[in-house]
């Protein structure tokens, strides 16, 4: 089968799944069986695309204390983790523009991500082992976020300290911008970076989530702002 035919079939199956999902909201019936059929069809499509070399980005929706998180990964590793309010379609559209439009829902490709996040949220896991894809992060941002990854579980640094570790002691504002645009929150623990005063500072996922994550880890909190 040639590439054009597979892409055509992929679009047809995807549209069928979308119609089926819409029908579940309007028709009574055995939802468990219907969802299982949809999941099986999605899995077949993902396997077929992978065999043909047409699966560049796999994505899945994962449960969390914050609601459903959208996880996306490439062959290199996890490339994106999005909070619910970011929306599935906008996130996937940006991934298509920045990395590749060959994106398919393939939860099996993100099993490790799911297992480790479940362990982390339950308090059993203190260090992530999953590989990461840094493709969405620029050179300075990569230095900042790699310094952030090195912050131990239960510990915190300030924006100034992270900037210094990234090689720019006076670049705390630039470091803050890099942390604010972190495409893989939680796993790259930007929540462990606080103001020099000990205040929470900012967090793209919201301060309530930042506080929750720090409390989960038993990190020191001196102020709420």
Protein backbone atom coordinates (compact mmCIF):
# COMPACT_ATOMS: atom_id res chain seq x y z
CA UNK A 1 0.00 0.00 0.00
CA UNK A 2 1.44 3.41 -0.90
CA UNK A 3 1.72 6.39 1.42
CA UNK A 4 -1.14 8.37 -0.17
CA UNK A 5 -3.52 5.45 0.31
CA UNK A 6 -2.56 5.03 3.97
CA UNK A 7 -2.98 8.73 4.66
CA UNK A 8 -6.39 8.59 2.98
CA UNK A 9 -7.37 5.56 5.05
CA UNK A 10 -6.04 7.17 8.22
CA UNK A 11 -8.17 10.25 7.67
CA UNK A 12 -11.20 8.09 6.95
CA UNK A 13 -10.74 6.04 10.11
CA UNK A 14 -10.10 9.15 12.19
CA UNK A 15 -13.30 10.74 10.91
CA UNK A 16 -15.20 7.55 11.61
CA UNK A 17 -13.92 7.57 15.18
CA UNK A 18 -14.94 11.20 15.60
CA UNK A 19 -18.45 10.46 14.35
CA UNK A 20 -18.65 7.45 16.60
CA UNK A 21 -17.60 9.51 19.62
CA UNK A 22 -20.28 12.10 18.80
CA UNK A 23 -22.86 9.36 18.55
CA UNK A 24 -22.01 8.15 22.05
CA UNK A 25 -23.20 11.49 23.41
CA UNK A 26 -26.58 11.22 21.74
CA UNK A 27 -27.47 7.54 21.61
CA UNK A 28 -28.09 5.03 24.38
CA UNK A 29 -26.28 1.75 24.23
CA UNK A 30 -23.47 -0.36 25.63
CA UNK A 31 -20.89 2.40 26.11
CA UNK A 32 -18.19 0.04 27.35
CA UNK A 33 -18.35 -2.05 24.19
CA UNK A 34 -18.52 1.03 21.95
CA UNK A 35 -15.51 2.63 23.54
CA UNK A 36 -13.61 -0.62 23.36
CA UNK A 37 -14.33 -0.87 19.64
CA UNK A 38 -13.14 2.70 19.09
CA UNK A 39 -9.96 2.05 21.08
CA UNK A 40 -9.27 -1.12 19.10
CA UNK A 41 -9.76 0.72 15.81
CA UNK A 42 -7.42 3.50 16.95
CA UNK A 43 -4.82 0.92 18.01
CA UNK A 44 -5.00 -0.81 14.61
CA UNK A 45 -4.53 2.50 12.85
CA UNK A 46 -1.53 3.40 15.01
CA UNK A 47 0.11 0.02 14.41
CA UNK A 48 -0.45 0.28 10.69
CA UNK A 49 0.96 3.82 10.52
CA UNK A 50 3.99 2.77 12.53
CA UNK A 51 4.65 -0.18 10.20
CA UNK A 52 4.54 2.17 7.23
CA UNK A 53 6.83 4.71 8.89
CA UNK A 54 4.09 7.34 9.05
CA UNK A 55 3.83 7.75 12.82
CA UNK A 56 6.06 10.63 13.89
CA UNK A 57 4.11 11.76 16.96
CA UNK A 58 1.97 9.54 19.17
CA UNK A 59 -0.43 11.09 21.65
CA UNK A 60 -2.69 9.95 24.46
CA UNK A 61 -4.92 11.41 27.14
CA UNK A 62 -3.77 10.50 30.64
CA UNK A 63 -5.63 10.80 33.94
CA UNK A 64 -4.22 13.09 36.61
CA UNK A 65 -5.32 14.95 39.75
CA UNK A 66 -5.62 18.02 37.49
CA UNK A 67 -7.90 16.37 34.95
CA UNK A 68 -6.93 14.80 31.62
CA UNK A 69 -3.39 15.60 30.50
CA UNK A 70 -2.45 15.40 26.84
CA UNK A 71 0.86 13.59 26.38
CA UNK A 72 2.67 13.47 23.05
CA UNK A 73 5.88 11.67 22.21
CA UNK A 74 8.25 11.06 19.33
CA UNK A 75 10.76 8.27 18.89
CA UNK A 76 13.13 10.37 21.01
CA UNK A 77 10.78 10.63 23.97
CA UNK A 78 8.08 12.76 25.57
CA UNK A 79 7.86 16.06 23.70
CA UNK A 80 4.73 17.65 25.15
CA UNK A 81 2.56 17.42 28.26
CA UNK A 82 -0.43 19.77 28.26
CA UNK A 83 -2.91 20.75 30.95
CA UNK A 84 -6.64 20.34 30.17
CA UNK A 85 -7.34 24.02 29.49
CA UNK A 86 -4.78 24.12 26.68
CA UNK A 87 -7.10 22.01 24.51
CA UNK A 88 -6.26 18.94 22.47
CA UNK A 89 -6.68 20.41 18.99
CA UNK A 90 -4.58 23.57 19.55
CA UNK A 91 -1.75 21.53 21.07
CA UNK A 92 -1.77 18.98 18.24
CA UNK A 93 -1.93 21.72 15.62
CA UNK A 94 1.18 23.37 17.07
CA UNK A 95 2.97 20.04 17.15
CA UNK A 96 2.06 19.50 13.51
CA UNK A 97 3.52 22.89 12.63
CA UNK A 98 6.68 22.58 14.71
CA UNK A 99 7.55 18.89 14.31
CA UNK A 100 5.37 16.83 11.94
CA UNK A 101 1.73 16.56 10.83
CA UNK A 102 1.92 12.75 11.07
CA UNK A 103 0.23 12.54 14.46
CA UNK A 104 -1.92 9.62 15.61
CA UNK A 105 -3.50 8.67 18.92
CA UNK A 106 -1.41 5.73 20.11
CA UNK A 107 -1.61 5.26 23.90
CA UNK A 108 0.60 2.17 23.85
CA UNK A 109 3.55 4.33 22.77
CA UNK A 110 3.11 6.36 25.96
CA UNK A 111 2.77 3.51 28.46
CA UNK A 112 5.96 4.46 30.29
CA UNK A 113 4.81 8.07 30.60
CA UNK A 114 1.50 6.94 32.04
CA UNK A 115 3.10 4.53 34.51
CA UNK A 116 5.61 7.06 35.78
CA UNK A 117 3.07 9.85 36.14
CA UNK A 118 0.75 7.53 38.05
CA UNK A 119 3.62 6.62 40.35
CA UNK A 120 4.56 10.26 40.83
CA UNK A 121 1.03 11.45 41.62
CA UNK A 122 0.60 8.61 44.11
CA UNK A 123 3.80 9.61 45.90
CA UNK A 124 5.61 6.37 45.01
CA UNK A 125 7.93 7.79 42.33
CA UNK A 126 10.46 10.52 43.06
CA UNK A 127 12.43 10.55 39.83
CA UNK A 128 11.31 10.24 36.21
CA UNK A 129 13.24 7.90 33.93
CA UNK A 130 11.31 8.46 30.70
CA UNK A 131 13.31 9.85 27.76
CA UNK A 132 12.54 13.40 26.69
CA UNK A 133 12.49 15.07 23.29
CA UNK A 134 13.78 18.64 23.59
CA UNK A 135 12.79 19.66 20.05
CA UNK A 136 10.37 22.39 21.15
CA UNK A 137 12.92 24.13 23.37
CA UNK A 138 15.46 26.69 22.19
CA UNK A 139 19.16 26.77 23.16
CA UNK A 140 18.93 29.00 26.25
CA UNK A 141 15.63 27.49 27.32
CA UNK A 142 17.24 24.06 27.11
CA UNK A 143 20.01 25.14 29.49
CA UNK A 144 17.44 26.53 31.92
CA UNK A 145 15.20 23.48 31.79
CA UNK A 146 18.09 21.03 32.07
CA UNK A 147 19.17 22.88 35.21
CA UNK A 148 15.58 22.56 36.38
CA UNK A 149 15.49 18.81 35.74
CA UNK A 150 18.51 18.51 38.04
CA UNK A 151 16.64 20.00 41.05
CA UNK A 152 16.08 17.08 43.44
CA UNK A 153 12.63 15.94 44.44
CA UNK A 154 11.51 17.89 47.50
CA UNK A 155 13.98 20.72 46.90
CA UNK A 156 13.64 24.15 45.29
CA UNK A 157 15.82 26.78 43.64
CA UNK A 158 15.20 30.44 42.86
CA UNK A 159 14.97 31.99 39.42
CA UNK A 160 18.37 33.61 39.97
CA UNK A 161 19.95 30.29 40.92
CA UNK A 162 18.55 28.54 37.89
CA UNK A 163 19.72 31.37 35.62
CA UNK A 164 23.22 31.06 37.08
CA UNK A 165 23.26 27.31 36.51
CA UNK A 166 22.21 28.01 32.91
CA UNK A 167 25.26 30.27 32.53
CA UNK A 168 23.48 33.63 32.80
CA UNK A 169 23.60 34.89 36.41
CA UNK A 170 21.82 38.11 35.46
CA UNK A 171 19.26 36.40 33.27
CA UNK A 172 16.61 35.62 35.86
CA UNK A 173 13.88 37.23 33.76
CA UNK A 174 14.90 35.25 30.66
CA UNK A 175 15.03 32.13 32.81
CA UNK A 176 11.52 32.88 34.05
CA UNK A 177 10.32 33.17 30.46
CA UNK A 178 11.90 29.81 29.61
CA UNK A 179 10.27 28.20 32.63
CA UNK A 180 6.93 29.76 31.72
CA UNK A 181 7.04 28.21 28.26
CA UNK A 182 8.14 24.76 29.46
CA UNK A 183 6.41 22.28 27.09
CA UNK A 184 6.78 19.34 29.49
CA UNK A 185 5.62 20.56 32.90
CA UNK A 186 5.67 18.26 35.92
CA UNK A 187 8.26 15.98 34.29
CA UNK A 188 10.55 19.00 33.77
CA UNK A 189 9.79 20.33 37.26
CA UNK A 190 9.53 24.08 36.75
CA UNK A 191 7.25 24.09 39.80
CA UNK A 192 10.43 23.70 41.88
CA UNK A 193 11.61 27.20 40.99
CA UNK A 194 10.56 30.02 43.34
CA UNK A 195 11.16 33.71 43.82
CA UNK A 196 14.23 34.76 45.76
CA UNK A 197 11.90 35.84 48.56
CA UNK A 198 10.51 32.33 48.75
CA UNK A 199 7.23 33.25 47.06
CA UNK A 200 5.72 30.90 44.51
CA UNK A 201 6.35 33.16 41.54
CA UNK A 202 4.56 32.18 38.34
CA UNK A 203 3.42 28.90 36.83
CA UNK A 204 1.79 28.32 33.46
CA UNK A 205 -0.43 25.65 35.00
CA UNK A 206 -1.68 28.01 37.71
CA UNK A 207 -0.42 28.66 41.23
CA UNK A 208 -2.84 26.21 42.81
CA UNK A 209 -1.24 23.39 40.79
CA UNK A 210 2.24 24.63 41.61
CA UNK A 211 1.43 24.65 45.30
CA UNK A 212 -0.13 21.17 45.06
CA UNK A 213 2.96 19.74 43.38
CA UNK A 214 5.30 21.29 45.92
CA UNK A 215 3.19 20.00 48.78
CA UNK A 216 3.16 16.53 47.20
CA UNK A 217 6.95 16.58 47.20
CA UNK A 218 7.22 18.05 50.69
CA UNK A 219 9.07 21.09 49.36
CA UNK A 220 9.58 24.17 51.54
CA UNK A 221 7.05 26.95 51.06
CA UNK A 222 7.61 30.20 52.90
CA UNK A 223 5.10 32.45 51.17
CA UNK A 224 2.01 32.08 49.02
CA UNK A 225 2.67 34.80 46.48
